[in-house]
Amino acid sequence: MSTKEPGSAELFPVIYGELRRVAGRYLSRERRNHTLQPTALVHEAWLKLQNERRVQVHGRTHGLALAAQAMRRLLVDHGRHQKRDKRGGGVAPMPLDDLLNAAATGAVPIEDLLTLEAALTRLEAEDPRAAQVVALRFFSGMSSAEVAEHLQLSVRTVESDWTFAKAWLKRELSGEKNRKDQQ
C-alpha cells in the first residue's frame, strides 16, 4: 500500500477552510467596501501557486505555508498600490505587540502590514530562519509545532527563533516610529 502525498489539486479542498480563516483574519478590520474579499484572496493566491511551474506542494503544512506566502505577497502588493494612491494618509503604525496580537485575533491594517513587511525584509538579511518563522506564524497562523514540522526543526528551536524575532522586530519597529516622530 502506497501513502502518496496528495497533489495540489487534492490538497486545496483539504486546507481551503484554514486558508479562508487566514484570509478572513487579515481582511476583517479593513473597510467594509474593501476590494479584496477572503475567498478572492485565497483563490488568487492558490492560482498564483498553480501558475508557478516550479512549485510542488508536499503536504498540508507545506501547502499552508506556500499559500500564506502567496497571500502575503498579494496583500503587500495591494497595500503598496493603495499607499501609492493615498501616500500614507497619516496613519500611525501599530506597535509590534498589537500586530502580533492582531495576527491571532484579527486582521492587520494595510499600512501596518507594509511596515511589518519592510522590517521582515531587514530581519531576513540578518536571520533568514527567524524571518521565515515569523512569516509562517504571522501570515499563515501556524502553531510552533506546525512550523517545526514544516521547517524540520524542533519546537524549541522554532520558539527560540520566534522569541528572538519578536524582540528584534519590536526594537526595529520602535526605532522606525522614533525616526518618523523626529521628522
C-alpha atoms as a PDB file:
ATOM      1  CA  MET A   1       0.000   0.000   0.000  1.00  0.00           C
ATOM      2  CA  SER A   2       1.431   3.366  -1.048  1.00  0.00           C
ATOM      3  CA  THR A   3       0.925   6.513   1.030  1.00  0.00           C
ATOM      4  CA  LYS A   4       1.363   9.065  -1.698  1.00  0.00           C
ATOM      5  CA  GLU A   5       1.138  12.705  -0.637  1.00  0.00           C
ATOM      6  CA  PRO A   6      -1.839  14.469  -2.171  1.00  0.00           C
ATOM      7  CA  GLY A   7      -1.119  16.723  -5.129  1.00  0.00           C
ATOM      8  CA  SER A   8      -2.045  20.380  -5.023  1.00  0.00           C
ATOM      9  CA  ALA A   9      -5.406  19.702  -6.687  1.00  0.00           C
ATOM     10  CA  GLU A  10      -6.344  17.216  -3.955  1.00  0.00           C
ATOM     11  CA  LEU A  11      -4.828  19.344  -1.183  1.00  0.00           C
ATOM     12  CA  PHE A  12      -6.699  22.566  -1.913  1.00  0.00           C
ATOM     13  CA  PRO A  13     -10.099  21.300  -0.665  1.00  0.00           C
ATOM     14  CA  VAL A  14      -8.410  19.894   2.460  1.00  0.00           C
ATOM     15  CA  ILE A  15      -6.810  23.189   3.528  1.00  0.00           C
ATOM     16  CA  TYR A  16      -9.322  25.571   1.951  1.00  0.00           C
ATOM     17  CA  GLY A  17     -11.110  26.266   5.249  1.00  0.00           C
ATOM     18  CA  GLU A  18      -7.838  27.071   7.016  1.00  0.00           C
ATOM     19  CA  LEU A  19      -6.740  29.365   4.200  1.00  0.00           C
ATOM     20  CA  ARG A  20     -10.103  31.104   4.238  1.00  0.00           C
ATOM     21  CA  ARG A  21      -9.772  31.744   8.001  1.00  0.00           C
ATOM     22  CA  VAL A  22      -6.266  33.181   7.495  1.00  0.00           C
ATOM     23  CA  ALA A  23      -7.501  35.462   4.703  1.00  0.00           C
ATOM     24  CA  GLY A  24     -10.558  36.470   6.708  1.00  0.00           C
ATOM     25  CA  ARG A  25      -8.420  37.385   9.701  1.00  0.00           C
ATOM     26  CA  TYR A  26      -6.356  39.806   7.610  1.00  0.00           C
ATOM     27  CA  LEU A  27      -9.290  41.425   5.900  1.00  0.00           C
ATOM     28  CA  SER A  28     -11.712  41.614   8.839  1.00  0.00           C
ATOM     29  CA  ARG A  29     -10.525  45.023  10.074  1.00  0.00           C
ATOM     30  CA  GLU A  30     -10.460  46.666   6.686  1.00  0.00           C
ATOM     31  CA  ARG A  31     -13.214  48.966   5.484  1.00  0.00           C
ATOM     32  CA  ARG A  32     -16.450  47.210   4.538  1.00  0.00           C
ATOM     33  CA  ASN A  33     -16.145  48.055   0.853  1.00  0.00           C
ATOM     34  CA  HIS A  34     -12.583  46.718   0.637  1.00  0.00           C
ATOM     35  CA  THR A  35     -11.809  45.464  -2.854  1.00  0.00           C
ATOM     36  CA  LEU A  36     -10.299  42.190  -1.604  1.00  0.00           C
ATOM     37  CA  GLN A  37     -12.519  39.522  -0.068  1.00  0.00           C
ATOM     38  CA  PRO A  38     -11.235  36.414   1.771  1.00  0.00           C
ATOM     39  CA  THR A  39     -12.495  33.989  -0.871  1.00  0.00           C
ATOM     40  CA  ALA A  40     -10.946  36.008  -3.691  1.00  0.00           C
ATOM     41  CA  LEU A  41      -7.657  36.315  -1.803  1.00  0.00           C
ATOM     42  CA  VAL A  42      -7.472  32.546  -1.216  1.00  0.00           C
ATOM     43  CA  HIS A  43      -8.353  31.737  -4.817  1.00  0.00           C
ATOM     44  CA  GLU A  44      -5.954  34.300  -6.251  1.00  0.00           C
ATOM     45  CA  ALA A  45      -3.124  33.044  -4.038  1.00  0.00           C
ATOM     46  CA  TRP A  46      -3.811  29.417  -4.970  1.00  0.00           C
ATOM     47  CA  LEU A  47      -3.994  30.288  -8.680  1.00  0.00           C
ATOM     48  CA  LYS A  48      -0.692  32.100  -8.367  1.00  0.00           C
ATOM     49  CA  LEU A  49       0.824  28.945  -6.890  1.00  0.00           C
ATOM     50  CA  GLN A  50      -0.659  26.779  -9.631  1.00  0.00           C
ATOM     51  CA  ASN A  51       0.803  29.068 -12.299  1.00  0.00           C
ATOM     52  CA  GLU A  52       4.307  28.736 -10.868  1.00  0.00           C
ATOM     53  CA  ARG A  53       5.510  25.637 -12.638  1.00  0.00           C
ATOM     54  CA  ARG A  54       8.426  25.001 -10.257  1.00  0.00           C
ATOM     55  CA  VAL A  55       6.227  24.818  -7.159  1.00  0.00           C
ATOM     56  CA  GLN A  56       5.405  21.382  -5.797  1.00  0.00           C
ATOM     57  CA  VAL A  57       3.234  21.063  -2.717  1.00  0.00           C
ATOM     58  CA  HIS A  58       4.385  18.454  -0.195  1.00  0.00           C
ATOM     59  CA  GLY A  59       1.586  18.021   2.292  1.00  0.00           C
ATOM     60  CA  ARG A  60      -0.735  20.160   4.392  1.00  0.00           C
ATOM     61  CA  THR A  61       1.741  22.382   6.256  1.00  0.00           C
ATOM     62  CA  HIS A  62       3.759  22.988   3.108  1.00  0.00           C
ATOM     63  CA  GLY A  63       0.588  23.930   1.225  1.00  0.00           C
ATOM     64  CA  LEU A  64      -0.449  26.280   4.049  1.00  0.00           C
ATOM     65  CA  ALA A  65       2.985  27.886   4.084  1.00  0.00           C
ATOM     66  CA  LEU A  66       3.077  28.394   0.325  1.00  0.00           C
ATOM     67  CA  ALA A  67      -0.466  29.737   0.149  1.00  0.00           C
ATOM     68  CA  ALA A  68       0.095  32.061   3.122  1.00  0.00           C
ATOM     69  CA  GLN A  69       3.249  33.378   1.457  1.00  0.00           C
ATOM     70  CA  ALA A  70       1.314  33.981  -1.764  1.00  0.00           C
ATOM     71  CA  MET A  71      -1.467  35.758   0.189  1.00  0.00           C
ATOM     72  CA  ARG A  72       1.187  37.844   1.920  1.00  0.00           C
ATOM     73  CA  ARG A  73       2.630  38.925  -1.419  1.00  0.00           C
ATOM     74  CA  LEU A  74      -0.833  39.756  -2.750  1.00  0.00           C
ATOM     75  CA  LEU A  75      -1.733  41.804   0.339  1.00  0.00           C
ATOM     76  CA  VAL A  76       1.589  43.660   0.267  1.00  0.00           C
ATOM     77  CA  ASP A  77       1.198  44.409  -3.442  1.00  0.00           C
ATOM     78  CA  HIS A  78      -2.372  45.580  -2.812  1.00  0.00           C
ATOM     79  CA  GLY A  79      -1.168  47.712   0.108  1.00  0.00           C
ATOM     80  CA  ARG A  80       1.600  49.261  -1.953  1.00  0.00           C
ATOM     81  CA  HIS A  81      -0.915  50.124  -4.626  1.00  0.00           C
ATOM     82  CA  GLN A  82      -3.224  51.637  -2.012  1.00  0.00           C
ATOM     83  CA  LYS A  83      -0.363  53.552  -0.381  1.00  0.00           C
ATOM     84  CA  ARG A  84       0.688  54.889  -3.736  1.00  0.00           C
ATOM     85  CA  ASP A  85      -2.840  56.213  -4.175  1.00  0.00           C
ATOM     86  CA  LYS A  86      -3.121  57.680  -0.664  1.00  0.00           C
ATOM     87  CA  ARG A  87       0.543  58.401   0.176  1.00  0.00           C
ATOM     88  CA  GLY A  88       0.134  57.092   3.703  1.00  0.00           C
ATOM     89  CA  GLY A  89      -2.820  59.099   4.898  1.00  0.00           C
ATOM     90  CA  GLY A  90      -1.035  59.991   8.153  1.00  0.00           C
ATOM     91  CA  VAL A  91      -1.922  56.689   9.847  1.00  0.00           C
ATOM     92  CA  ALA A  92       0.299  55.881  12.852  1.00  0.00           C
ATOM     93  CA  PRO A  93       1.932  52.433  12.722  1.00  0.00           C
ATOM     94  CA  MET A  94       0.619  49.728  15.055  1.00  0.00           C
ATOM     95  CA  PRO A  95       3.022  48.599  17.839  1.00  0.00           C
ATOM     96  CA  LEU A  96       4.546  45.119  17.350  1.00  0.00           C
ATOM     97  CA  ASP A  97       2.648  43.552  20.262  1.00  0.00           C
ATOM     98  CA  ASP A  98      -0.594  44.782  18.713  1.00  0.00           C
ATOM     99  CA  LEU A  99       0.484  43.482  15.300  1.00  0.00           C
ATOM    100  CA  LEU A 100       1.234  40.039  16.730  1.00  0.00           C
ATOM    101  CA  ASN A 101      -1.990  40.046  18.740  1.00  0.00           C
ATOM    102  CA  ALA A 102      -3.908  41.071  15.623  1.00  0.00           C
ATOM    103  CA  ALA A 103      -2.379  38.119  13.802  1.00  0.00           C
ATOM    104  CA  ALA A 104      -4.030  35.832  16.343  1.00  0.00           C
ATOM    105  CA  THR A 105      -7.318  37.683  16.713  1.00  0.00           C
ATOM    106  CA  GLY A 106      -7.970  39.674  13.564  1.00  0.00           C
ATOM    107  CA  ALA A 107      -6.575  41.433  10.557  1.00  0.00           C
ATOM    108  CA  VAL A 108      -3.758  43.918  10.265  1.00  0.00           C
ATOM    109  CA  PRO A 109      -4.351  47.250   8.514  1.00  0.00           C
ATOM    110  CA  ILE A 110      -2.527  47.533   5.179  1.00  0.00           C
ATOM    111  CA  GLU A 111      -0.229  50.352   6.382  1.00  0.00           C
ATOM    112  CA  ASP A 112       0.940  48.216   9.304  1.00  0.00           C
ATOM    113  CA  LEU A 113       1.347  45.208   7.035  1.00  0.00           C
ATOM    114  CA  LEU A 114       3.679  47.254   4.815  1.00  0.00           C
ATOM    115  CA  THR A 115       5.685  48.387   7.841  1.00  0.00           C
ATOM    116  CA  LEU A 116       5.983  44.802   9.059  1.00  0.00           C
ATOM    117  CA  GLU A 117       6.913  43.596   5.567  1.00  0.00           C
ATOM    118  CA  ALA A 118       9.778  46.122   5.385  1.00  0.00           C
ATOM    119  CA  ALA A 119      11.027  45.084   8.838  1.00  0.00           C
ATOM    120  CA  LEU A 120      10.749  41.389   7.907  1.00  0.00           C
ATOM    121  CA  THR A 121      12.887  42.025   4.827  1.00  0.00           C
ATOM    122  CA  ARG A 122      15.570  43.540   7.068  1.00  0.00           C
ATOM    123  CA  LEU A 123      15.278  40.623   9.529  1.00  0.00           C
ATOM    124  CA  GLU A 124      15.627  38.171   6.650  1.00  0.00           C
ATOM    125  CA  ALA A 125      19.007  39.722   5.796  1.00  0.00           C
ATOM    126  CA  GLU A 126      20.145  39.188   9.397  1.00  0.00           C
ATOM    127  CA  ASP A 127      18.449  35.873  10.259  1.00  0.00           C
ATOM    128  CA  PRO A 128      16.580  34.187   7.392  1.00  0.00           C
ATOM    129  CA  ARG A 129      15.217  31.327   9.520  1.00  0.00           C
ATOM    130  CA  ALA A 130      13.785  33.670  12.163  1.00  0.00           C
ATOM    131  CA  ALA A 131      12.127  35.705   9.399  1.00  0.00           C
ATOM    132  CA  GLN A 132      10.664  32.510   7.961  1.00  0.00           C
ATOM    133  CA  VAL A 133       9.288  31.534  11.387  1.00  0.00           C
ATOM    134  CA  VAL A 134       7.617  34.948  11.716  1.00  0.00           C
ATOM    135  CA  ALA A 135       6.137  34.699   8.228  1.00  0.00           C
ATOM    136  CA  LEU A 136       4.723  31.239   8.921  1.00  0.00           C
ATOM    137  CA  ARG A 137       3.369  32.134  12.366  1.00  0.00           C
ATOM    138  CA  PHE A 138       2.074  35.583  11.418  1.00  0.00           C
ATOM    139  CA  PHE A 139       0.839  35.144   7.861  1.00  0.00           C
ATOM    140  CA  SER A 140      -0.334  31.539   7.915  1.00  0.00           C
ATOM    141  CA  GLY A 141      -1.383  31.326  11.554  1.00  0.00           C
ATOM    142  CA  MET A 142       0.647  28.143  12.015  1.00  0.00           C
ATOM    143  CA  SER A 143       1.424  26.948  15.518  1.00  0.00           C
ATOM    144  CA  SER A 144       5.015  26.418  16.655  1.00  0.00           C
ATOM    145  CA  ALA A 145       4.543  22.677  16.179  1.00  0.00           C
ATOM    146  CA  GLU A 146       3.310  23.144  12.596  1.00  0.00           C
ATOM    147  CA  VAL A 147       6.202  25.494  11.792  1.00  0.00           C
ATOM    148  CA  ALA A 148       8.634  22.981  13.311  1.00  0.00           C
ATOM    149  CA  GLU A 149       7.156  20.195  11.195  1.00  0.00           C
ATOM    150  CA  HIS A 150       7.299  22.306   8.039  1.00  0.00           C
ATOM    151  CA  LEU A 151      10.882  23.513   8.593  1.00  0.00           C
ATOM    152  CA  GLN A 152      12.006  20.164  10.032  1.00  0.00           C
ATOM    153  CA  LEU A 153      13.195  21.780  13.263  1.00  0.00           C
ATOM    154  CA  SER A 154      12.459  21.146  16.907  1.00  0.00           C
ATOM    155  CA  VAL A 155       9.608  23.058  18.520  1.00  0.00           C
ATOM    156  CA  ARG A 156      12.127  24.512  20.966  1.00  0.00           C
ATOM    157  CA  THR A 157      14.212  25.922  18.091  1.00  0.00           C
ATOM    158  CA  VAL A 158      11.119  27.444  16.473  1.00  0.00           C
ATOM    159  CA  GLU A 159      10.051  29.036  19.772  1.00  0.00           C
ATOM    160  CA  SER A 160      13.576  30.378  20.299  1.00  0.00           C
ATOM    161  CA  ASP A 161      13.573  31.891  16.801  1.00  0.00           C
ATOM    162  CA  TRP A 162      10.078  33.315  17.437  1.00  0.00           C
ATOM    163  CA  THR A 163      11.213  34.950  20.704  1.00  0.00           C
ATOM    164  CA  PHE A 164      14.332  36.390  19.053  1.00  0.00           C
ATOM    165  CA  ALA A 165      12.385  37.653  16.036  1.00  0.00           C
ATOM    166  CA  LYS A 166       9.688  39.331  18.170  1.00  0.00           C
ATOM    167  CA  ALA A 167      12.352  41.160  20.198  1.00  0.00           C
ATOM    168  CA  TRP A 168      14.265  42.123  17.060  1.00  0.00           C
ATOM    169  CA  LEU A 169      11.133  43.362  15.290  1.00  0.00           C
ATOM    170  CA  LYS A 170       9.957  45.257  18.367  1.00  0.00           C
ATOM    171  CA  ARG A 171      13.302  47.070  18.551  1.00  0.00           C
ATOM    172  CA  GLU A 172      13.319  47.693  14.804  1.00  0.00           C
ATOM    173  CA  LEU A 173       9.729  48.947  14.655  1.00  0.00           C
ATOM    174  CA  SER A 174      10.130  51.208  17.696  1.00  0.00           C
ATOM    175  CA  GLY A 175      13.237  52.696  16.062  1.00  0.00           C
ATOM    176  CA  GLU A 176      11.242  53.273  12.883  1.00  0.00           C
ATOM    177  CA  LYS A 177       8.481  55.024  14.857  1.00  0.00           C
ATOM    178  CA  ASN A 178      11.078  57.227  16.608  1.00  0.00           C
ATOM    179  CA  ARG A 179      12.597  58.161  13.230  1.00  0.00           C
ATOM    180  CA  LYS A 180       9.117  59.148  11.940  1.00  0.00           C
ATOM    181  CA  ASP A 181       8.407  61.188  15.092  1.00  0.00           C
ATOM    182  CA  GLN A 182      11.664  63.133  14.643  1.00  0.00           C
ATOM    183  CA  GLN A 183      10.815  64.138  11.075  1.00  0.00           C
END
